[in-house]
N, C-alpha and C. Protein backbone atom coordinates (compact mmCIF):
# COMPACT_ATOMS: atom_id res chain seq x y z
N ALA A 1 -98.42 -9.94 -38.30
CA ALA A 1 -98.54 -10.79 -39.50
C ALA A 1 -99.77 -10.46 -40.30
N THR A 2 -99.61 -10.49 -41.60
CA THR A 2 -100.75 -10.20 -42.48
C THR A 2 -101.60 -11.47 -42.68
N THR A 3 -102.95 -11.34 -42.54
CA THR A 3 -103.82 -12.42 -42.63
C THR A 3 -103.97 -12.67 -44.15
N PRO A 4 -103.74 -13.89 -44.58
CA PRO A 4 -103.95 -14.19 -46.02
C PRO A 4 -105.41 -14.12 -46.44
N PRO A 5 -105.66 -13.73 -47.64
CA PRO A 5 -107.05 -13.79 -48.15
C PRO A 5 -107.57 -15.28 -48.23
N GLY A 6 -108.79 -15.47 -47.97
CA GLY A 6 -109.37 -16.76 -48.00
C GLY A 6 -110.68 -16.74 -48.80
N PRO A 7 -111.42 -17.85 -48.79
CA PRO A 7 -112.62 -17.91 -49.66
C PRO A 7 -113.72 -16.87 -49.31
N VAL A 8 -113.75 -16.47 -48.06
CA VAL A 8 -114.80 -15.42 -47.77
C VAL A 8 -114.27 -14.04 -47.85
N ALA A 9 -113.07 -13.88 -48.27
CA ALA A 9 -112.53 -12.49 -48.49
C ALA A 9 -113.35 -11.79 -49.59
N ARG A 10 -113.51 -10.56 -49.52
CA ARG A 10 -114.34 -9.78 -50.41
C ARG A 10 -113.42 -9.21 -51.55
N PHE A 11 -113.84 -9.41 -52.74
CA PHE A 11 -113.04 -9.02 -53.95
C PHE A 11 -112.58 -7.52 -53.85
N ASN A 12 -113.48 -6.63 -53.57
CA ASN A 12 -113.22 -5.22 -53.54
C ASN A 12 -112.19 -4.81 -52.44
N ALA A 13 -112.04 -5.65 -51.45
CA ALA A 13 -111.05 -5.36 -50.38
C ALA A 13 -109.59 -5.56 -50.88
N TYR A 14 -109.46 -6.33 -51.99
CA TYR A 14 -108.14 -6.64 -52.49
C TYR A 14 -107.84 -6.04 -53.88
N PHE A 15 -108.90 -5.78 -54.66
CA PHE A 15 -108.68 -5.39 -56.03
C PHE A 15 -109.31 -3.94 -56.21
N THR A 16 -108.72 -3.15 -57.04
CA THR A 16 -109.21 -1.93 -57.46
C THR A 16 -109.10 -1.77 -59.01
N PRO A 17 -110.10 -1.35 -59.69
CA PRO A 17 -111.35 -0.82 -59.25
C PRO A 17 -112.28 -2.02 -58.73
N PRO A 18 -113.36 -1.63 -58.07
CA PRO A 18 -114.30 -2.66 -57.55
C PRO A 18 -114.87 -3.43 -58.72
N ILE A 19 -115.15 -4.71 -58.49
CA ILE A 19 -115.71 -5.57 -59.49
C ILE A 19 -117.21 -5.25 -59.76
N ASN A 20 -117.97 -4.99 -58.70
CA ASN A 20 -119.33 -4.60 -58.87
C ASN A 20 -119.81 -4.11 -57.44
N PRO A 21 -120.92 -3.49 -57.38
CA PRO A 21 -121.34 -3.02 -56.07
C PRO A 21 -121.68 -4.14 -55.05
N GLY A 22 -121.94 -5.31 -55.55
CA GLY A 22 -122.26 -6.44 -54.72
C GLY A 22 -121.05 -6.97 -53.93
N ASN A 23 -119.83 -6.65 -54.37
CA ASN A 23 -118.54 -7.09 -53.73
C ASN A 23 -118.57 -8.56 -53.33
N PRO A 24 -118.52 -9.44 -54.35
CA PRO A 24 -118.60 -10.87 -54.14
C PRO A 24 -117.42 -11.44 -53.30
N THR A 25 -117.61 -12.54 -52.67
CA THR A 25 -116.52 -13.16 -51.99
C THR A 25 -115.61 -13.84 -53.05
N PHE A 26 -114.44 -14.16 -52.60
CA PHE A 26 -113.51 -14.86 -53.55
C PHE A 26 -114.11 -16.20 -53.98
N LEU A 27 -114.78 -16.89 -53.04
CA LEU A 27 -115.40 -18.15 -53.46
C LEU A 27 -116.41 -17.95 -54.46
N ALA A 28 -117.27 -16.93 -54.37
CA ALA A 28 -118.30 -16.70 -55.45
C ALA A 28 -117.62 -16.41 -56.78
N VAL A 29 -116.57 -15.58 -56.78
CA VAL A 29 -115.80 -15.34 -58.02
C VAL A 29 -115.29 -16.58 -58.64
N LEU A 30 -114.64 -17.43 -57.75
CA LEU A 30 -114.05 -18.69 -58.22
C LEU A 30 -115.10 -19.61 -58.79
N GLN A 31 -116.31 -19.57 -58.27
CA GLN A 31 -117.35 -20.40 -58.75
C GLN A 31 -118.10 -19.81 -60.00
N GLY A 32 -117.55 -18.70 -60.50
CA GLY A 32 -118.06 -18.00 -61.68
C GLY A 32 -119.23 -17.09 -61.41
N ASN A 33 -119.36 -16.69 -60.12
CA ASN A 33 -120.53 -15.82 -59.73
C ASN A 33 -120.13 -14.44 -59.36
N ALA A 34 -119.25 -13.88 -60.25
CA ALA A 34 -118.81 -12.52 -59.95
C ALA A 34 -119.95 -11.50 -60.28
N ASN A 35 -120.80 -11.90 -61.18
CA ASN A 35 -122.01 -11.13 -61.56
C ASN A 35 -121.65 -9.73 -62.04
N THR A 36 -120.67 -9.60 -62.93
CA THR A 36 -120.38 -8.35 -63.53
C THR A 36 -121.19 -8.01 -64.62
N GLY A 37 -121.95 -8.99 -65.16
CA GLY A 37 -122.78 -8.85 -66.40
C GLY A 37 -121.99 -9.08 -67.62
N ASN A 38 -120.74 -9.43 -67.46
CA ASN A 38 -119.84 -9.66 -68.56
C ASN A 38 -119.12 -10.95 -68.34
N PRO A 39 -119.42 -12.05 -69.04
CA PRO A 39 -118.78 -13.31 -68.81
C PRO A 39 -117.22 -13.31 -68.94
N THR A 40 -116.79 -12.49 -69.84
CA THR A 40 -115.32 -12.33 -70.05
C THR A 40 -114.63 -11.76 -68.79
N THR A 41 -115.23 -10.68 -68.24
CA THR A 41 -114.71 -10.06 -67.08
C THR A 41 -114.78 -11.02 -65.86
N ASP A 42 -115.91 -11.73 -65.82
CA ASP A 42 -116.07 -12.69 -64.69
C ASP A 42 -115.00 -13.76 -64.75
N ASN A 43 -114.57 -14.19 -65.99
CA ASN A 43 -113.55 -15.20 -66.15
C ASN A 43 -112.23 -14.68 -65.79
N VAL A 44 -111.87 -13.52 -66.23
CA VAL A 44 -110.59 -12.90 -65.83
C VAL A 44 -110.51 -12.82 -64.30
N ALA A 45 -111.56 -12.23 -63.70
CA ALA A 45 -111.55 -12.17 -62.27
C ALA A 45 -111.39 -13.47 -61.57
N LYS A 46 -111.93 -14.56 -62.08
CA LYS A 46 -111.79 -15.83 -61.43
C LYS A 46 -110.37 -16.24 -61.41
N TYR A 47 -109.70 -16.12 -62.55
CA TYR A 47 -108.23 -16.53 -62.64
C TYR A 47 -107.37 -15.59 -61.79
N LEU A 48 -107.70 -14.39 -61.73
CA LEU A 48 -106.85 -13.44 -60.91
C LEU A 48 -107.10 -13.65 -59.42
N VAL A 49 -108.27 -14.01 -59.03
CA VAL A 49 -108.49 -14.44 -57.60
C VAL A 49 -107.65 -15.66 -57.29
N ALA A 50 -107.70 -16.66 -58.16
CA ALA A 50 -106.83 -17.86 -57.94
C ALA A 50 -105.39 -17.49 -57.89
N ALA A 51 -104.96 -16.58 -58.74
CA ALA A 51 -103.58 -16.18 -58.76
C ALA A 51 -103.17 -15.45 -57.39
N LEU A 52 -104.13 -14.58 -56.93
CA LEU A 52 -103.88 -13.86 -55.67
C LEU A 52 -103.73 -14.85 -54.53
N LEU A 53 -104.57 -15.82 -54.46
CA LEU A 53 -104.62 -16.82 -53.42
C LEU A 53 -103.27 -17.62 -53.50
N ASN A 54 -102.86 -17.92 -54.73
CA ASN A 54 -101.61 -18.66 -54.88
C ASN A 54 -100.34 -17.78 -54.46
N ALA A 55 -100.53 -16.48 -54.57
CA ALA A 55 -99.42 -15.54 -54.23
C ALA A 55 -99.19 -15.58 -52.73
N GLY A 56 -100.21 -15.94 -52.00
CA GLY A 56 -100.10 -16.15 -50.55
C GLY A 56 -100.24 -14.90 -49.74
N PRO A 57 -99.85 -15.00 -48.48
CA PRO A 57 -99.10 -16.06 -47.83
C PRO A 57 -100.03 -17.25 -47.54
N PRO A 58 -99.53 -18.48 -47.56
CA PRO A 58 -98.16 -18.84 -47.98
C PRO A 58 -98.07 -18.88 -49.47
N ALA A 59 -96.93 -18.51 -50.04
CA ALA A 59 -96.77 -18.39 -51.48
C ALA A 59 -96.71 -19.73 -52.14
N LEU A 60 -97.71 -19.95 -53.04
CA LEU A 60 -97.78 -21.25 -53.74
C LEU A 60 -97.28 -21.04 -55.15
N SER A 61 -97.25 -19.80 -55.62
CA SER A 61 -96.86 -19.43 -56.98
C SER A 61 -95.89 -18.29 -56.98
N PRO A 62 -94.59 -18.50 -56.66
CA PRO A 62 -93.63 -17.42 -56.56
C PRO A 62 -93.42 -16.59 -57.84
N VAL A 63 -93.93 -17.06 -58.97
CA VAL A 63 -93.73 -16.38 -60.22
C VAL A 63 -94.58 -15.08 -60.30
N LEU A 64 -95.74 -15.08 -59.81
CA LEU A 64 -96.69 -13.97 -59.90
C LEU A 64 -97.01 -13.53 -58.43
N LEU A 65 -96.49 -12.29 -58.11
CA LEU A 65 -96.70 -11.78 -56.72
C LEU A 65 -98.03 -10.97 -56.72
N ALA A 66 -98.51 -10.79 -55.53
CA ALA A 66 -99.73 -10.13 -55.30
C ALA A 66 -99.83 -8.73 -55.92
N PRO A 67 -98.87 -7.93 -55.84
CA PRO A 67 -98.96 -6.57 -56.46
C PRO A 67 -99.15 -6.70 -57.98
N ALA A 68 -98.46 -7.66 -58.62
CA ALA A 68 -98.59 -7.81 -60.02
C ALA A 68 -100.05 -8.32 -60.46
N VAL A 69 -100.58 -9.18 -59.62
CA VAL A 69 -101.94 -9.68 -59.83
C VAL A 69 -102.93 -8.50 -59.78
N LYS A 70 -102.81 -7.71 -58.78
CA LYS A 70 -103.67 -6.50 -58.64
C LYS A 70 -103.51 -5.54 -59.74
N ASP A 71 -102.27 -5.33 -60.19
CA ASP A 71 -102.00 -4.42 -61.39
C ASP A 71 -102.71 -4.93 -62.64
N ILE A 72 -102.66 -6.31 -62.82
CA ILE A 72 -103.30 -6.81 -64.00
C ILE A 72 -104.79 -6.57 -63.97
N TRP A 73 -105.45 -6.78 -62.80
CA TRP A 73 -106.89 -6.48 -62.67
C TRP A 73 -107.14 -4.99 -62.95
N SER A 74 -106.40 -4.13 -62.30
CA SER A 74 -106.59 -2.74 -62.43
C SER A 74 -106.59 -2.22 -63.86
N GLU A 75 -105.58 -2.64 -64.57
CA GLU A 75 -105.51 -2.25 -65.94
C GLU A 75 -106.56 -2.92 -66.84
N PHE A 76 -106.82 -4.21 -66.62
CA PHE A 76 -107.83 -4.90 -67.43
C PHE A 76 -109.22 -4.31 -67.16
N ALA A 77 -109.49 -4.01 -65.88
CA ALA A 77 -110.83 -3.56 -65.53
C ALA A 77 -111.12 -2.13 -66.09
N THR A 78 -110.07 -1.31 -66.21
CA THR A 78 -110.26 0.02 -66.74
C THR A 78 -110.08 0.13 -68.29
N THR A 79 -109.29 -0.77 -68.91
CA THR A 79 -109.01 -0.62 -70.30
C THR A 79 -109.49 -1.75 -71.13
N GLY A 80 -109.69 -2.90 -70.55
CA GLY A 80 -110.18 -4.11 -71.31
C GLY A 80 -109.00 -4.92 -71.85
N SER A 81 -107.80 -4.53 -71.38
CA SER A 81 -106.58 -5.31 -71.74
C SER A 81 -105.50 -5.10 -70.75
N PHE A 82 -104.41 -5.79 -70.86
CA PHE A 82 -103.27 -5.55 -69.94
C PHE A 82 -102.04 -5.46 -70.83
N SER A 83 -101.12 -4.49 -70.50
CA SER A 83 -99.90 -4.27 -71.20
C SER A 83 -98.73 -4.80 -70.37
N PRO A 84 -98.20 -5.96 -70.66
CA PRO A 84 -97.10 -6.45 -69.77
C PRO A 84 -95.79 -5.77 -70.11
N SER A 85 -95.71 -5.15 -71.25
CA SER A 85 -94.48 -4.43 -71.66
C SER A 85 -94.88 -3.40 -72.71
N SER A 86 -93.99 -2.46 -72.90
CA SER A 86 -94.30 -1.45 -73.92
C SER A 86 -94.67 -2.09 -75.24
N GLY A 87 -95.76 -1.67 -75.83
CA GLY A 87 -96.19 -2.09 -77.12
C GLY A 87 -96.98 -3.40 -77.17
N ALA A 88 -97.02 -4.15 -76.08
CA ALA A 88 -97.75 -5.40 -76.05
C ALA A 88 -99.07 -5.17 -75.26
N HIS A 89 -100.14 -5.78 -75.75
CA HIS A 89 -101.51 -5.65 -75.15
C HIS A 89 -102.10 -7.02 -75.12
N TRP A 90 -102.46 -7.55 -73.95
CA TRP A 90 -103.06 -8.77 -73.81
C TRP A 90 -104.58 -8.67 -73.63
N ASN A 91 -105.35 -9.46 -74.38
CA ASN A 91 -106.82 -9.46 -74.13
C ASN A 91 -107.12 -10.47 -73.00
N ALA A 92 -108.35 -10.65 -72.73
CA ALA A 92 -108.72 -11.52 -71.61
C ALA A 92 -108.21 -12.97 -71.76
N SER A 93 -108.25 -13.57 -72.92
CA SER A 93 -107.76 -14.88 -73.14
C SER A 93 -106.24 -14.96 -72.93
N GLU A 94 -105.55 -13.93 -73.42
CA GLU A 94 -104.12 -13.93 -73.16
C GLU A 94 -103.61 -13.77 -71.71
N ILE A 95 -104.44 -12.95 -70.95
CA ILE A 95 -104.23 -12.81 -69.56
C ILE A 95 -104.39 -14.11 -68.82
N ILE A 96 -105.52 -14.81 -69.18
CA ILE A 96 -105.80 -16.14 -68.56
C ILE A 96 -104.69 -17.08 -68.89
N GLU A 97 -104.37 -17.16 -70.16
CA GLU A 97 -103.29 -18.04 -70.63
C GLU A 97 -101.95 -17.85 -69.80
N TYR A 98 -101.65 -16.55 -69.65
CA TYR A 98 -100.43 -16.24 -68.84
C TYR A 98 -100.63 -16.66 -67.40
N VAL A 99 -101.72 -16.38 -66.73
CA VAL A 99 -101.87 -16.70 -65.34
C VAL A 99 -101.78 -18.19 -65.16
N LEU A 100 -102.35 -18.94 -66.13
CA LEU A 100 -102.29 -20.42 -66.06
C LEU A 100 -100.84 -20.91 -66.01
N THR A 101 -99.97 -20.26 -66.70
CA THR A 101 -98.52 -20.66 -66.77
C THR A 101 -97.86 -20.49 -65.38
N THR A 102 -98.44 -19.64 -64.51
CA THR A 102 -97.81 -19.43 -63.20
C THR A 102 -98.33 -20.37 -62.13
N MET A 103 -99.33 -21.17 -62.48
CA MET A 103 -99.92 -22.05 -61.44
C MET A 103 -99.31 -23.44 -61.54
N GLN A 104 -99.27 -24.04 -60.41
CA GLN A 104 -98.75 -25.43 -60.27
C GLN A 104 -99.73 -26.45 -60.70
């Protein structure tokens, strides 16, 4: 069985590219302490950690699965946006808005 991520899980163990060399815990990221030096990136990371935890196991948010959450981070962290479909590009606010719609 796969051990679900928890509050002491390290961000860089679940997401690529790494958030920063400090590799904060999920709890630190959720508390706004990702320390990327960019408040917008910190905020997106916070919501994506919450979404990953909701993806489970146990799955609390069946709309957004773990691979999709990781893909959103990967694209956002490298390009500054996420493209959910051809021609569409979401900025940080739009990513957060979408993630919020998947949460209970």
